[in-house]
């Protein structure tokens, strides 16, 4: 697992719905955080 995935996981755990990077946007497409 790379840092991007880890960071996205932390953001999801914190309930952050604002994706700032392309990778985060792509992760949120299959990770229902909101």
N, C-alpha and C. Protein backbone atom coordinates (compact mmCIF):
# COMPACT_ATOMS: atom_id res chain seq x y z
N UNK A 1 0.85 -1.20 0.00
CA UNK A 1 0.00 0.00 0.00
C UNK A 1 0.89 1.25 0.00
N UNK A 2 0.63 2.15 -0.91
CA UNK A 2 1.47 3.34 -1.02
C UNK A 2 0.93 4.47 -0.15
N UNK A 3 1.68 5.55 -0.09
CA UNK A 3 1.28 6.67 0.77
C UNK A 3 -0.05 7.27 0.33
N UNK A 4 -0.30 7.28 -0.97
CA UNK A 4 -1.55 7.87 -1.46
C UNK A 4 -2.75 7.09 -0.94
N UNK A 5 -2.65 5.77 -0.99
CA UNK A 5 -3.75 4.93 -0.51
C UNK A 5 -3.92 5.10 1.00
N UNK A 6 -2.80 5.16 1.70
CA UNK A 6 -2.87 5.34 3.15
C UNK A 6 -3.51 6.67 3.50
N UNK A 7 -3.10 7.71 2.79
CA UNK A 7 -3.64 9.04 3.07
C UNK A 7 -5.13 9.08 2.76
N UNK A 8 -5.53 8.44 1.67
CA UNK A 8 -6.95 8.40 1.31
C UNK A 8 -7.74 7.66 2.38
N UNK A 9 -7.16 6.60 2.92
CA UNK A 9 -7.81 5.84 3.98
C UNK A 9 -7.99 6.69 5.23
N UNK A 10 -6.97 7.49 5.55
CA UNK A 10 -7.07 8.36 6.71
C UNK A 10 -8.13 9.43 6.50
N UNK A 11 -8.18 9.98 5.29
CA UNK A 11 -9.18 11.00 5.00
C UNK A 11 -10.58 10.41 5.12
N UNK A 12 -10.75 9.17 4.64
CA UNK A 12 -12.05 8.54 4.70
C UNK A 12 -12.43 8.28 6.16
N UNK A 13 -11.44 7.89 6.97
CA UNK A 13 -11.71 7.62 8.38
C UNK A 13 -12.11 8.90 9.09
N UNK A 14 -11.55 10.02 8.67
CA UNK A 14 -11.87 11.30 9.29
C UNK A 14 -13.15 11.90 8.74
N UNK A 15 -13.70 11.28 7.70
CA UNK A 15 -14.94 11.77 7.13
C UNK A 15 -14.73 12.96 6.21
N UNK A 16 -13.52 13.09 5.66
CA UNK A 16 -13.25 14.20 4.74
C UNK A 16 -13.74 13.83 3.35
N UNK A 17 -14.61 14.66 2.78
CA UNK A 17 -15.21 14.33 1.49
C UNK A 17 -14.61 15.14 0.36
N UNK A 18 -13.65 16.02 0.67
CA UNK A 18 -13.08 16.86 -0.38
C UNK A 18 -11.81 16.22 -0.93
N UNK A 19 -11.89 15.75 -2.17
CA UNK A 19 -10.72 15.15 -2.80
C UNK A 19 -9.94 16.23 -3.52
N UNK A 20 -8.66 16.35 -3.19
CA UNK A 20 -7.87 17.43 -3.76
C UNK A 20 -7.02 16.95 -4.92
N UNK A 21 -6.64 15.69 -4.90
CA UNK A 21 -5.77 15.17 -5.96
C UNK A 21 -6.52 14.19 -6.84
N UNK A 22 -5.96 13.93 -8.01
CA UNK A 22 -6.60 12.99 -8.94
C UNK A 22 -6.72 11.61 -8.32
N UNK A 23 -5.68 11.19 -7.61
CA UNK A 23 -5.69 9.86 -6.99
C UNK A 23 -6.80 9.76 -5.95
N UNK A 24 -6.93 10.81 -5.15
CA UNK A 24 -7.98 10.78 -4.12
C UNK A 24 -9.36 10.75 -4.76
N UNK A 25 -9.52 11.49 -5.85
CA UNK A 25 -10.81 11.47 -6.55
C UNK A 25 -11.09 10.08 -7.09
N UNK A 26 -10.04 9.43 -7.60
CA UNK A 26 -10.23 8.09 -8.15
C UNK A 26 -10.56 7.10 -7.03
N UNK A 27 -9.91 7.26 -5.89
CA UNK A 27 -10.17 6.35 -4.78
C UNK A 27 -11.60 6.53 -4.27
N UNK A 28 -12.05 7.77 -4.18
CA UNK A 28 -13.39 8.02 -3.65
C UNK A 28 -14.47 7.51 -4.59
N UNK A 29 -14.10 7.27 -5.86
CA UNK A 29 -15.09 6.75 -6.81
C UNK A 29 -15.52 5.35 -6.41
N UNK A 30 -14.61 4.56 -5.81
CA UNK A 30 -14.99 3.21 -5.37
C UNK A 30 -14.99 3.09 -3.86
N UNK A 31 -14.71 4.19 -3.15
CA UNK A 31 -14.78 4.19 -1.69
C UNK A 31 -15.89 5.13 -1.25
N UNK A 32 -17.07 4.61 -0.94
CA UNK A 32 -18.19 5.47 -0.51
C UNK A 32 -17.91 6.11 0.84
N UNK A 33 -17.35 7.31 0.85
CA UNK A 33 -16.99 7.97 2.10
C UNK A 33 -18.11 8.87 2.59
N UNK A 34 -18.92 9.39 1.67
CA UNK A 34 -19.98 10.32 2.07
C UNK A 34 -21.33 9.60 2.09
